[in-house]
């Protein structure tokens, strides 16, 4: 393995593990029938942007014409989408697991 590929492979491995954990959290929140399940689904969809952008930029567009600065486009879009997706999934997990307060009786 070339030395310059190690950070990219570690990044891909961490993203894969994070994506698997996010799928588990999304299933947990959806199965708990929490009203914030859409938040976890949106986070999972945002995390799926990374492989989609990679496919479009490096597989489809490189066959037609390769943009000069496609690496920074990929880095900016995929990292921003991954960070926001992870934040949404963490928020959904937090909202689904926090204790619900019992409704208070109206004053007499």
Protein backbone atom coordinates (compact mmCIF):
# COMPACT_ATOMS: atom_id res chain seq x y z
CA UNK A 1 0.00 0.00 0.00
CA UNK A 2 1.31 3.43 -0.86
CA UNK A 3 1.92 5.74 2.07
CA UNK A 4 -0.14 8.57 0.61
CA UNK A 5 -3.28 6.38 0.50
CA UNK A 6 -3.29 5.55 4.23
CA UNK A 7 -5.15 8.72 5.38
CA UNK A 8 -7.78 8.25 2.68
CA UNK A 9 -8.29 4.61 3.59
CA UNK A 10 -8.58 5.46 7.31
CA UNK A 11 -11.08 8.20 6.46
CA UNK A 12 -13.15 5.80 4.35
CA UNK A 13 -13.08 3.18 7.11
CA UNK A 14 -14.24 5.70 9.73
CA UNK A 15 -16.98 6.97 7.44
CA UNK A 16 -18.14 3.40 6.83
CA UNK A 17 -18.30 2.65 10.56
CA UNK A 18 -20.09 5.95 11.19
CA UNK A 19 -22.58 5.21 8.43
CA UNK A 20 -23.31 1.77 9.91
CA UNK A 21 -23.78 3.29 13.37
CA UNK A 22 -26.04 5.96 11.87
CA UNK A 23 -28.19 3.30 10.25
CA UNK A 24 -28.53 1.59 13.62
CA UNK A 25 -29.49 4.84 15.33
CA UNK A 26 -32.01 5.62 12.59
CA UNK A 27 -33.63 2.21 12.99
CA UNK A 28 -33.68 2.64 16.79
CA UNK A 29 -35.30 6.07 16.60
CA UNK A 30 -37.80 4.93 13.97
CA UNK A 31 -38.71 1.81 15.97
CA UNK A 32 -39.26 3.90 19.08
CA UNK A 33 -41.89 5.77 17.04
CA UNK A 34 -40.43 9.04 18.12
CA UNK A 35 -41.69 12.10 16.29
CA UNK A 36 -38.11 13.14 15.50
CA UNK A 37 -37.39 10.07 13.36
CA UNK A 38 -37.37 12.32 10.29
CA UNK A 39 -34.31 14.02 11.78
CA UNK A 40 -32.36 10.75 11.78
CA UNK A 41 -33.51 9.92 8.26
CA UNK A 42 -32.40 13.36 7.05
CA UNK A 43 -29.01 12.85 8.71
CA UNK A 44 -28.62 9.47 7.07
CA UNK A 45 -29.53 10.97 3.69
CA UNK A 46 -26.94 13.71 4.17
CA UNK A 47 -24.30 11.13 5.02
CA UNK A 48 -25.17 9.30 1.79
CA UNK A 49 -24.19 12.42 -0.18
CA UNK A 50 -20.49 11.53 0.19
CA UNK A 51 -20.47 8.40 -2.00
CA UNK A 52 -22.95 10.02 -4.38
CA UNK A 53 -20.71 13.06 -4.95
CA UNK A 54 -17.70 10.77 -5.34
CA UNK A 55 -19.57 8.75 -7.96
CA UNK A 56 -20.67 11.82 -9.88
CA UNK A 57 -17.36 13.69 -9.80
CA UNK A 58 -14.85 10.91 -10.23
CA UNK A 59 -16.74 8.31 -12.25
CA UNK A 60 -19.29 10.14 -14.40
CA UNK A 61 -17.65 13.52 -14.97
CA UNK A 62 -14.15 12.12 -15.35
CA UNK A 63 -15.38 10.08 -18.33
CA UNK A 64 -16.67 13.21 -20.02
CA UNK A 65 -14.35 15.93 -18.79
CA UNK A 66 -12.48 16.26 -15.53
CA UNK A 67 -12.93 19.60 -13.79
CA UNK A 68 -9.63 21.04 -12.67
CA UNK A 69 -10.66 21.61 -9.09
CA UNK A 70 -12.89 18.63 -8.50
CA UNK A 71 -10.91 17.49 -5.43
CA UNK A 72 -11.75 20.58 -3.39
CA UNK A 73 -15.37 20.45 -4.57
CA UNK A 74 -15.59 16.86 -3.36
CA UNK A 75 -13.89 17.67 -0.05
CA UNK A 76 -16.04 20.69 0.71
CA UNK A 77 -19.38 19.16 -0.20
CA UNK A 78 -18.83 15.72 1.30
CA UNK A 79 -17.28 16.89 4.57
CA UNK A 80 -19.97 19.50 5.16
CA UNK A 81 -22.73 16.99 4.38
CA UNK A 82 -21.15 14.35 6.64
CA UNK A 83 -20.71 16.72 9.59
CA UNK A 84 -24.28 18.04 9.32
CA UNK A 85 -25.60 14.48 8.88
CA UNK A 86 -23.78 13.25 11.97
CA UNK A 87 -25.05 16.25 13.95
CA UNK A 88 -28.64 15.51 12.90
CA UNK A 89 -28.32 11.86 13.88
CA UNK A 90 -26.83 12.73 17.27
CA UNK A 91 -29.65 15.25 17.83
CA UNK A 92 -32.26 12.64 16.90
CA UNK A 93 -30.70 10.11 19.29
CA UNK A 94 -30.56 12.72 22.05
CA UNK A 95 -34.18 13.73 21.53
CA UNK A 96 -35.37 10.12 21.36
CA UNK A 97 -33.61 9.01 24.54
CA UNK A 98 -34.24 11.97 26.82
CA UNK A 99 -36.90 11.40 29.45
CA UNK A 100 -40.30 12.78 28.57
CA UNK A 101 -41.84 14.97 31.22
CA UNK A 102 -45.35 14.05 32.29
CA UNK A 103 -48.02 16.56 31.35
CA UNK A 104 -48.93 18.75 34.27
CA UNK A 105 -52.51 19.15 35.38
CA UNK A 106 -54.06 22.54 34.73
CA UNK A 107 -54.41 24.72 37.82
CA UNK A 108 -57.78 24.82 39.48
